[in-house]
Amino acid sequence: MTEAEEQKPIRVKMKVGNVEFEIEGTVDQANEAVGKFLQTVTEKLKETPLIGTEREGTAPRAETCKVIIQRLWKEGWFATARGLGEVHSEMARLGFHYDRTAVAHALIDLVKDGVLNREGHPRRYQYVQKRPPSSR
């Protein structure tokens, strides 16, 4: 993702349980705001008994895009190089429907963190684990 793309305003709409919110800003601003919101919601859900859940003790999942990708990495899913489309589809299959831009941004963050390597050419990058999950 180029610096111009990272500075372009985006709009994110999310619904967690019966709470719905919308955030507009740069990719960095939206990612940070969504992360803080989901962290707060998750903490509150742990403190508050849920009424009307199908199974007692279950709570809606509220996780950031980066956390979900890190979970895939820990499970060894990135042992094989994966493209942005594959990562986006796998997350959707797991029930996490994030904008492709948010997924791309989280992948870049994990490359910067030294978790993943990025190989290939622009618009066709492949992401593969830089180190196995057990080496941390």
N, C-alpha and C. Protein backbone atom coordinates (compact mmCIF):
# COMPACT_ATOMS: atom_id res chain seq x y z
N MET A 1 0.85 -1.16 0.00
CA MET A 1 0.00 0.00 0.00
C MET A 1 0.90 1.23 0.00
N THR A 2 0.61 2.17 -0.89
CA THR A 2 1.43 3.37 -0.97
C THR A 2 1.05 4.34 0.13
N GLU A 3 1.93 5.32 0.33
CA GLU A 3 1.67 6.31 1.38
C GLU A 3 0.42 7.10 1.05
N ALA A 4 0.18 7.38 -0.24
CA ALA A 4 -1.02 8.12 -0.64
C ALA A 4 -2.27 7.32 -0.30
N GLU A 5 -2.23 6.00 -0.51
CA GLU A 5 -3.38 5.15 -0.18
C GLU A 5 -3.63 5.13 1.32
N GLU A 6 -2.55 5.14 2.12
CA GLU A 6 -2.70 5.12 3.57
C GLU A 6 -3.29 6.42 4.08
N GLN A 7 -3.10 7.54 3.36
CA GLN A 7 -3.61 8.84 3.80
C GLN A 7 -5.00 9.14 3.25
N LYS A 8 -5.49 8.33 2.29
CA LYS A 8 -6.81 8.52 1.72
C LYS A 8 -7.87 8.17 2.76
N PRO A 9 -8.86 9.05 2.96
CA PRO A 9 -9.89 8.77 3.97
C PRO A 9 -10.71 7.54 3.61
N ILE A 10 -11.00 6.73 4.62
CA ILE A 10 -11.88 5.58 4.44
C ILE A 10 -12.98 5.65 5.47
N ARG A 11 -14.06 4.93 5.22
CA ARG A 11 -15.17 4.86 6.16
C ARG A 11 -15.37 3.40 6.54
N VAL A 12 -15.44 3.14 7.85
CA VAL A 12 -15.61 1.78 8.36
C VAL A 12 -16.92 1.75 9.16
N LYS A 13 -17.79 0.80 8.81
CA LYS A 13 -19.02 0.59 9.55
C LYS A 13 -18.93 -0.79 10.18
N MET A 14 -19.24 -0.87 11.46
CA MET A 14 -19.18 -2.16 12.16
C MET A 14 -20.38 -2.29 13.08
N LYS A 15 -20.73 -3.54 13.32
CA LYS A 15 -21.77 -3.84 14.29
C LYS A 15 -21.27 -4.98 15.15
N VAL A 16 -21.25 -4.77 16.45
CA VAL A 16 -20.84 -5.79 17.41
C VAL A 16 -22.02 -5.97 18.36
N GLY A 17 -22.66 -7.13 18.30
CA GLY A 17 -23.86 -7.33 19.10
C GLY A 17 -24.92 -6.35 18.65
N ASN A 18 -25.45 -5.58 19.59
CA ASN A 18 -26.46 -4.58 19.22
C ASN A 18 -25.88 -3.17 19.15
N VAL A 19 -24.56 -3.05 19.15
CA VAL A 19 -23.88 -1.76 19.05
C VAL A 19 -23.35 -1.60 17.64
N GLU A 20 -23.71 -0.49 17.02
CA GLU A 20 -23.27 -0.21 15.66
C GLU A 20 -22.52 1.12 15.67
N PHE A 21 -21.41 1.19 14.92
CA PHE A 21 -20.67 2.45 14.86
C PHE A 21 -20.04 2.62 13.50
N GLU A 22 -19.67 3.87 13.22
CA GLU A 22 -19.05 4.22 11.95
C GLU A 22 -17.88 5.15 12.24
N ILE A 23 -16.76 4.89 11.57
CA ILE A 23 -15.55 5.69 11.77
C ILE A 23 -15.06 6.12 10.40
N GLU A 24 -14.62 7.38 10.30
CA GLU A 24 -14.05 7.86 9.05
C GLU A 24 -12.70 8.49 9.36
N GLY A 25 -11.71 8.19 8.55
CA GLY A 25 -10.37 8.75 8.73
C GLY A 25 -9.39 8.01 7.86
N THR A 26 -8.10 8.23 8.08
CA THR A 26 -7.08 7.50 7.33
C THR A 26 -7.08 6.05 7.79
N VAL A 27 -6.41 5.20 7.05
CA VAL A 27 -6.33 3.78 7.42
C VAL A 27 -5.77 3.64 8.83
N ASP A 28 -4.69 4.36 9.13
CA ASP A 28 -4.08 4.29 10.46
C ASP A 28 -5.06 4.73 11.55
N GLN A 29 -5.75 5.85 11.32
CA GLN A 29 -6.69 6.36 12.31
C GLN A 29 -7.85 5.39 12.52
N ALA A 30 -8.40 4.88 11.43
CA ALA A 30 -9.53 3.94 11.54
C ALA A 30 -9.10 2.66 12.23
N ASN A 31 -7.93 2.13 11.87
CA ASN A 31 -7.44 0.89 12.48
C ASN A 31 -7.26 1.08 13.98
N GLU A 32 -6.68 2.18 14.39
CA GLU A 32 -6.47 2.45 15.81
C GLU A 32 -7.80 2.62 16.55
N ALA A 33 -8.73 3.38 15.96
CA ALA A 33 -10.02 3.61 16.60
C ALA A 33 -10.82 2.32 16.72
N VAL A 34 -10.83 1.51 15.67
CA VAL A 34 -11.57 0.23 15.72
C VAL A 34 -10.95 -0.68 16.78
N GLY A 35 -9.63 -0.73 16.82
CA GLY A 35 -8.95 -1.57 17.82
C GLY A 35 -9.31 -1.16 19.24
N LYS A 36 -9.30 0.13 19.51
CA LYS A 36 -9.65 0.63 20.85
C LYS A 36 -11.11 0.33 21.18
N PHE A 37 -11.99 0.54 20.19
CA PHE A 37 -13.40 0.27 20.41
C PHE A 37 -13.64 -1.21 20.73
N LEU A 38 -13.05 -2.09 19.92
CA LEU A 38 -13.25 -3.52 20.13
C LEU A 38 -12.66 -3.99 21.45
N GLN A 39 -11.54 -3.42 21.83
CA GLN A 39 -10.94 -3.77 23.12
C GLN A 39 -11.88 -3.38 24.26
N THR A 40 -12.44 -2.19 24.17
CA THR A 40 -13.37 -1.72 25.20
C THR A 40 -14.62 -2.59 25.25
N VAL A 41 -15.18 -2.92 24.08
CA VAL A 41 -16.37 -3.76 24.03
C VAL A 41 -16.08 -5.13 24.61
N THR A 42 -14.94 -5.71 24.25
CA THR A 42 -14.57 -7.03 24.76
C THR A 42 -14.44 -7.02 26.27
N GLU A 43 -13.79 -6.00 26.83
CA GLU A 43 -13.65 -5.88 28.28
C GLU A 43 -15.01 -5.74 28.96
N LYS A 44 -15.90 -4.94 28.38
CA LYS A 44 -17.23 -4.74 28.96
C LYS A 44 -18.05 -6.03 28.90
N LEU A 45 -17.92 -6.77 27.80
CA LEU A 45 -18.66 -8.03 27.67
C LEU A 45 -18.21 -9.05 28.71
N LYS A 46 -16.94 -9.01 29.07
CA LYS A 46 -16.44 -9.93 30.10
C LYS A 46 -17.02 -9.59 31.47
N GLU A 47 -17.27 -8.29 31.70
CA GLU A 47 -17.78 -7.83 32.99
C GLU A 47 -19.29 -7.97 33.10
N THR A 48 -20.00 -7.89 31.98
CA THR A 48 -21.46 -7.83 31.98
C THR A 48 -22.06 -9.17 31.60
N PRO A 49 -22.99 -9.69 32.40
CA PRO A 49 -23.66 -10.92 32.00
C PRO A 49 -24.51 -10.66 30.76
N LEU A 50 -24.46 -11.57 29.82
CA LEU A 50 -25.20 -11.41 28.58
C LEU A 50 -26.60 -12.00 28.72
N ILE A 51 -27.56 -11.27 28.20
CA ILE A 51 -28.94 -11.75 28.22
C ILE A 51 -29.32 -12.13 26.80
N GLY A 52 -29.93 -13.28 26.64
CA GLY A 52 -30.42 -13.69 25.33
C GLY A 52 -29.39 -14.37 24.46
N THR A 53 -28.29 -14.82 25.00
CA THR A 53 -27.35 -15.57 24.18
C THR A 53 -27.86 -16.98 24.03
N GLU A 54 -27.53 -17.60 22.91
CA GLU A 54 -27.99 -18.96 22.64
C GLU A 54 -27.45 -19.94 23.66
N ARG A 55 -26.17 -19.83 23.96
CA ARG A 55 -25.55 -20.71 24.95
C ARG A 55 -25.02 -19.86 26.07
N GLU A 56 -25.22 -20.30 27.28
CA GLU A 56 -24.73 -19.55 28.43
C GLU A 56 -23.21 -19.46 28.39
N GLY A 57 -22.72 -18.26 28.64
CA GLY A 57 -21.27 -18.07 28.68
C GLY A 57 -20.65 -17.71 27.34
N THR A 58 -21.45 -17.61 26.27
CA THR A 58 -20.88 -17.22 24.99
C THR A 58 -20.99 -15.71 24.83
N ALA A 59 -20.04 -15.14 24.12
CA ALA A 59 -20.05 -13.70 23.89
C ALA A 59 -19.74 -13.43 22.43
N PRO A 60 -20.25 -12.33 21.89
CA PRO A 60 -19.89 -11.98 20.53
C PRO A 60 -18.38 -11.80 20.41
N ARG A 61 -17.83 -12.21 19.28
CA ARG A 61 -16.40 -12.06 19.08
C ARG A 61 -16.10 -10.64 18.63
N ALA A 62 -15.12 -10.01 19.25
CA ALA A 62 -14.71 -8.66 18.90
C ALA A 62 -13.20 -8.66 18.86
N GLU A 63 -12.65 -8.84 17.67
CA GLU A 63 -11.20 -8.90 17.53
C GLU A 63 -10.76 -8.02 16.37
N THR A 64 -9.58 -7.45 16.48
CA THR A 64 -9.06 -6.62 15.41
C THR A 64 -8.60 -7.48 14.25
N CYS A 65 -8.50 -6.88 13.12
CA CYS A 65 -8.03 -7.55 11.91
C CYS A 65 -6.64 -8.14 12.13
N LYS A 66 -5.76 -7.37 12.73
CA LYS A 66 -4.39 -7.82 12.98
C LYS A 66 -4.36 -9.03 13.90
N VAL A 67 -5.19 -9.04 14.92
CA VAL A 67 -5.23 -10.16 15.87
C VAL A 67 -5.67 -11.45 15.16
N ILE A 68 -6.64 -11.32 14.27
CA ILE A 68 -7.13 -12.50 13.54
C ILE A 68 -6.03 -13.04 12.63
N ILE A 69 -5.32 -12.16 11.95
CA ILE A 69 -4.22 -12.60 11.07
C ILE A 69 -3.11 -13.23 11.90
N GLN A 70 -2.83 -12.66 13.08
CA GLN A 70 -1.82 -13.26 13.96
C GLN A 70 -2.25 -14.66 14.40
N ARG A 71 -3.55 -14.84 14.62
CA ARG A 71 -4.04 -16.17 15.00
C ARG A 71 -3.81 -17.16 13.85
N LEU A 72 -4.06 -16.74 12.61
CA LEU A 72 -3.80 -17.59 11.45
C LEU A 72 -2.31 -17.95 11.39
N TRP A 73 -1.46 -16.97 11.67
CA TRP A 73 -0.01 -17.22 11.68
C TRP A 73 0.34 -18.25 12.75
N LYS A 74 -0.22 -18.09 13.96
CA LYS A 74 0.07 -19.02 15.05
C LYS A 74 -0.39 -20.44 14.72
N GLU A 75 -1.44 -20.54 13.92
CA GLU A 75 -1.95 -21.85 13.52
C GLU A 75 -1.15 -22.45 12.36
N GLY A 76 -0.15 -21.70 11.86
CA GLY A 76 0.69 -22.19 10.77
C GLY A 76 0.11 -21.98 9.38
N TRP A 77 -0.92 -21.18 9.27
CA TRP A 77 -1.59 -20.96 8.00
C TRP A 77 -0.68 -20.25 7.00
N PHE A 78 0.26 -19.46 7.49
CA PHE A 78 1.17 -18.73 6.61
C PHE A 78 2.46 -19.51 6.31
N ALA A 79 2.48 -20.82 6.60
CA ALA A 79 3.63 -21.65 6.22
C ALA A 79 3.72 -21.70 4.70
N THR A 80 2.59 -21.53 4.03
CA THR A 80 2.50 -21.43 2.58
C THR A 80 2.23 -19.97 2.25
N ALA A 81 2.89 -19.43 1.23
CA ALA A 81 2.69 -18.03 0.85
C ALA A 81 1.23 -17.81 0.44
N ARG A 82 0.66 -16.71 0.91
CA ARG A 82 -0.76 -16.40 0.65
C ARG A 82 -0.89 -14.98 0.13
N GLY A 83 -1.79 -14.78 -0.80
CA GLY A 83 -2.08 -13.46 -1.33
C GLY A 83 -3.14 -12.76 -0.49
N LEU A 84 -3.29 -11.46 -0.72
CA LEU A 84 -4.28 -10.66 0.01
C LEU A 84 -5.67 -11.27 -0.14
N GLY A 85 -6.03 -11.68 -1.34
CA GLY A 85 -7.35 -12.27 -1.58
C GLY A 85 -7.58 -13.53 -0.77
N GLU A 86 -6.55 -14.36 -0.67
CA GLU A 86 -6.66 -15.60 0.12
C GLU A 86 -6.86 -15.29 1.60
N VAL A 87 -6.10 -14.31 2.10
CA VAL A 87 -6.20 -13.94 3.51
C VAL A 87 -7.61 -13.39 3.78
N HIS A 88 -8.07 -12.49 2.92
CA HIS A 88 -9.39 -11.88 3.06
C HIS A 88 -10.48 -12.95 3.03
N SER A 89 -10.38 -13.91 2.11
CA SER A 89 -11.37 -14.98 2.00
C SER A 89 -11.37 -15.90 3.22
N GLU A 90 -10.18 -16.23 3.73
CA GLU A 90 -10.08 -17.10 4.91
C GLU A 90 -10.70 -16.41 6.12
N MET A 91 -10.45 -15.12 6.27
CA MET A 91 -11.04 -14.39 7.39
C MET A 91 -12.56 -14.37 7.27
N ALA A 92 -13.06 -14.17 6.06
CA ALA A 92 -14.51 -14.17 5.85
C ALA A 92 -15.09 -15.56 6.15
N ARG A 93 -14.37 -16.60 5.76
CA ARG A 93 -14.82 -17.97 6.03
C ARG A 93 -14.95 -18.20 7.54
N LEU A 94 -14.05 -17.56 8.31
CA LEU A 94 -14.07 -17.68 9.77
C LEU A 94 -15.11 -16.76 10.42
N GLY A 95 -15.78 -15.93 9.61
CA GLY A 95 -16.82 -15.05 10.14
C GLY A 95 -16.37 -13.63 10.43
N PHE A 96 -15.18 -13.25 9.94
CA PHE A 96 -14.66 -11.90 10.16
C PHE A 96 -14.64 -11.19 8.81
N HIS A 97 -15.50 -10.20 8.65
CA HIS A 97 -15.68 -9.52 7.37
C HIS A 97 -15.10 -8.11 7.43
N TYR A 98 -13.81 -8.03 7.15
CA TYR A 98 -13.12 -6.75 7.14
C TYR A 98 -12.91 -6.28 5.71
N ASP A 99 -12.81 -4.97 5.56
CA ASP A 99 -12.50 -4.37 4.26
C ASP A 99 -11.11 -4.84 3.83
N ARG A 100 -10.93 -5.07 2.53
CA ARG A 100 -9.63 -5.53 2.02
C ARG A 100 -8.51 -4.55 2.38
N THR A 101 -8.83 -3.27 2.43
CA THR A 101 -7.82 -2.26 2.79
C THR A 101 -7.33 -2.49 4.22
N ALA A 102 -8.24 -2.80 5.12
CA ALA A 102 -7.85 -3.06 6.51
C ALA A 102 -6.98 -4.30 6.61
N VAL A 103 -7.32 -5.33 5.82
CA VAL A 103 -6.53 -6.56 5.81
C VAL A 103 -5.13 -6.27 5.28
N ALA A 104 -5.05 -5.51 4.18
CA ALA A 104 -3.75 -5.16 3.60
C ALA A 104 -2.91 -4.38 4.60
N HIS A 105 -3.52 -3.46 5.31
CA HIS A 105 -2.80 -2.65 6.29
C HIS A 105 -2.28 -3.52 7.44
N ALA A 106 -3.11 -4.45 7.91
CA ALA A 106 -2.69 -5.34 8.99
C ALA A 106 -1.55 -6.25 8.52
N LEU A 107 -1.59 -6.71 7.29
CA LEU A 107 -0.50 -7.53 6.75
C LEU A 107 0.81 -6.74 6.71
N ILE A 108 0.73 -5.48 6.28
CA ILE A 108 1.93 -4.63 6.25
C ILE A 108 2.47 -4.44 7.66
N ASP A 109 1.59 -4.23 8.64
CA ASP A 109 2.03 -4.09 10.03
C ASP A 109 2.78 -5.33 10.49
N LEU A 110 2.28 -6.51 10.12
CA LEU A 110 2.93 -7.76 10.54
C LEU A 110 4.26 -7.97 9.80
N VAL A 111 4.39 -7.43 8.60
CA VAL A 111 5.68 -7.47 7.90
C VAL A 111 6.66 -6.57 8.66
N LYS A 112 6.20 -5.38 9.03
CA LYS A 112 7.05 -4.44 9.79
C LYS A 112 7.43 -5.00 11.15
N ASP A 113 6.52 -5.78 11.76
CA ASP A 113 6.78 -6.40 13.06
C ASP A 113 7.71 -7.61 12.97
N GLY A 114 8.04 -8.02 11.75
CA GLY A 114 8.94 -9.16 11.57
C GLY A 114 8.27 -10.52 11.70
N VAL A 115 6.95 -10.55 11.61
CA VAL A 115 6.21 -11.80 11.72
C VAL A 115 6.07 -12.46 10.35
N LEU A 116 5.78 -11.62 9.33
CA LEU A 116 5.59 -12.12 7.97
C LEU A 116 6.61 -11.49 7.02
N ASN A 117 6.89 -12.18 5.93
CA ASN A 117 7.67 -11.64 4.82
C ASN A 117 6.72 -11.34 3.68
N ARG A 118 7.02 -10.30 2.90
CA ARG A 118 6.23 -9.96 1.73
C ARG A 118 7.09 -10.23 0.51
N GLU A 119 6.57 -11.05 -0.40
CA GLU A 119 7.32 -11.44 -1.60
C GLU A 119 6.50 -11.05 -2.83
N GLY A 120 7.19 -10.82 -3.94
CA GLY A 120 6.49 -10.58 -5.19
C GLY A 120 6.50 -9.12 -5.60
N HIS A 121 5.48 -8.77 -6.37
CA HIS A 121 5.38 -7.43 -6.97
C HIS A 121 4.09 -6.75 -6.51
N PRO A 122 4.06 -5.40 -6.59
CA PRO A 122 2.85 -4.67 -6.17
C PRO A 122 1.59 -5.25 -6.81
N ARG A 123 0.53 -5.29 -6.04
CA ARG A 123 -0.78 -5.83 -6.39
C ARG A 123 -0.79 -7.35 -6.55
N ARG A 124 0.34 -7.98 -6.33
CA ARG A 124 0.42 -9.44 -6.39
C ARG A 124 1.30 -9.99 -5.27
N TYR A 125 1.43 -9.21 -4.19
CA TYR A 125 2.29 -9.65 -3.08
C TYR A 125 1.76 -10.95 -2.47
N GLN A 126 2.69 -11.74 -2.00
CA GLN A 126 2.39 -12.96 -1.25
C GLN A 126 2.99 -12.78 0.14
N TYR A 127 2.29 -13.23 1.14
CA TYR A 127 2.74 -13.11 2.53
C TYR A 127 3.00 -14.50 3.08
N VAL A 128 4.17 -14.67 3.69
CA VAL A 128 4.57 -15.96 4.23
C VAL A 128 5.24 -15.72 5.57
N GLN A 129 5.13 -16.70 6.47
CA GLN A 129 5.72 -16.53 7.79
C GLN A 129 7.22 -16.29 7.69
N LYS A 130 7.71 -15.35 8.45
CA LYS A 130 9.15 -15.06 8.49
C LYS A 130 9.82 -16.02 9.44
N ARG A 131 9.12 -16.36 10.49
CA ARG A 131 9.62 -17.30 11.48
C ARG A 131 8.44 -18.14 11.95
N PRO A 132 8.71 -19.36 12.35
CA PRO A 132 7.60 -20.18 12.84
C PRO A 132 7.03 -19.63 14.14
N PRO A 133 5.76 -19.84 14.39
CA PRO A 133 5.11 -19.30 15.59
C PRO A 133 5.79 -19.73 16.90
N SER A 134 6.38 -20.89 16.97
CA SER A 134 6.95 -21.38 18.22
C SER A 134 8.26 -20.68 18.59
N SER A 135 8.84 -19.89 17.68
CA SER A 135 10.14 -19.27 17.97
C SER A 135 10.00 -17.97 18.75
N ARG A 136 8.84 -17.63 19.19
CA ARG A 136 8.64 -16.37 19.91
C ARG A 136 8.67 -16.56 21.39
